[in-house]
Amino acid sequence: MSKERMKPCPFCGSKGKDLRVDPSGVLRFGGKVDPLGWSVCCKKCLCCGPYHDDKTEAVKSWNTATRDQ
């Protein structure tokens, strides 16, 4: 995965540690998550971007998001 830098949240302006790339997946025995997709989420306003097959695409999508979407 390339280290693409995430832009601030398009809704509340949060950045840095308030943003994270989260898996959407199935919780398996022992607490392991098998990711079915990835999305960038803001911990402050709870906004999440669309899900993608890999982290890089999730970050790229987040970086092009606008308040109108």
Protein backbone atom coordinates (compact mmCIF):
# COMPACT_ATOMS: atom_id res chain seq x y z
CA MET A 1 0.00 0.00 0.00
CA SER A 2 1.33 3.40 -0.88
CA LYS A 3 1.46 5.92 1.94
CA GLU A 4 -1.06 8.38 0.54
CA ARG A 5 -1.77 11.11 3.08
CA MET A 6 -5.41 11.51 4.10
CA LYS A 7 -6.97 14.92 3.64
CA PRO A 8 -9.01 16.42 6.52
CA CYS A 9 -12.61 15.33 7.01
CA PRO A 10 -14.78 17.12 4.44
CA PHE A 11 -17.53 17.54 7.06
CA CYS A 12 -15.86 18.64 10.30
CA GLY A 13 -12.26 19.37 9.25
CA SER A 14 -10.66 16.82 11.60
CA LYS A 15 -7.31 15.38 10.61
CA GLY A 16 -4.48 13.21 11.83
CA LYS A 17 -5.35 10.72 14.57
CA ASP A 18 -9.08 11.47 14.23
CA LEU A 19 -9.06 9.73 10.83
CA ARG A 20 -8.51 6.02 10.36
CA VAL A 21 -8.87 3.36 7.69
CA ASP A 22 -11.28 0.74 9.02
CA PRO A 23 -12.10 -2.73 7.73
CA SER A 24 -15.64 -3.84 7.17
CA GLY A 25 -15.66 -7.54 7.59
CA VAL A 26 -16.60 -10.71 9.30
CA LEU A 27 -15.47 -11.32 12.86
CA ARG A 28 -13.94 -14.77 13.12
CA PHE A 29 -13.32 -17.04 16.09
CA GLY A 30 -10.55 -15.61 18.25
CA GLY A 31 -11.35 -11.99 17.40
CA LYS A 32 -9.72 -11.93 13.97
CA VAL A 33 -11.45 -9.78 11.33
CA ASP A 34 -11.41 -10.90 7.73
CA PRO A 35 -11.78 -7.62 5.81
CA LEU A 36 -14.42 -7.51 3.11
CA GLY A 37 -13.66 -3.88 2.32
CA TRP A 38 -11.97 -0.73 3.64
CA SER A 39 -13.26 2.76 4.41
CA VAL A 40 -11.81 5.94 5.91
CA CYS A 41 -13.76 7.08 8.96
CA CYS A 42 -13.64 10.22 11.10
CA LYS A 43 -13.79 9.54 14.84
CA LYS A 44 -15.07 13.06 15.62
CA CYS A 45 -18.15 13.35 13.39
CA LEU A 46 -18.48 9.60 12.59
CA CYS A 47 -18.51 10.23 8.83
CA CYS A 48 -17.24 7.30 6.73
CA GLY A 49 -16.27 7.18 3.10
CA PRO A 50 -17.32 4.45 0.66
CA TYR A 51 -15.94 0.94 0.97
CA HIS A 52 -13.26 -0.32 -1.41
CA ASP A 53 -11.34 -3.55 -1.91
CA ASP A 54 -8.08 -2.09 -0.60
CA LYS A 55 -6.88 0.63 1.75
CA THR A 56 -5.23 2.72 -0.96
CA GLU A 57 -8.46 3.05 -2.95
CA ALA A 58 -10.38 3.94 0.24
CA VAL A 59 -7.92 6.77 0.96
CA LYS A 60 -8.04 8.03 -2.64
CA SER A 61 -11.82 8.11 -2.50
CA TRP A 62 -11.77 9.96 0.85
CA ASN A 63 -9.35 12.53 -0.56
CA THR A 64 -11.76 13.42 -3.37
CA ALA A 65 -14.90 13.54 -1.18
CA THR A 66 -16.87 16.77 -0.85
CA ARG A 67 -19.63 17.87 1.52
CA ASP A 68 -22.13 17.48 -1.34
CA GLN A 69 -21.63 13.71 -1.64
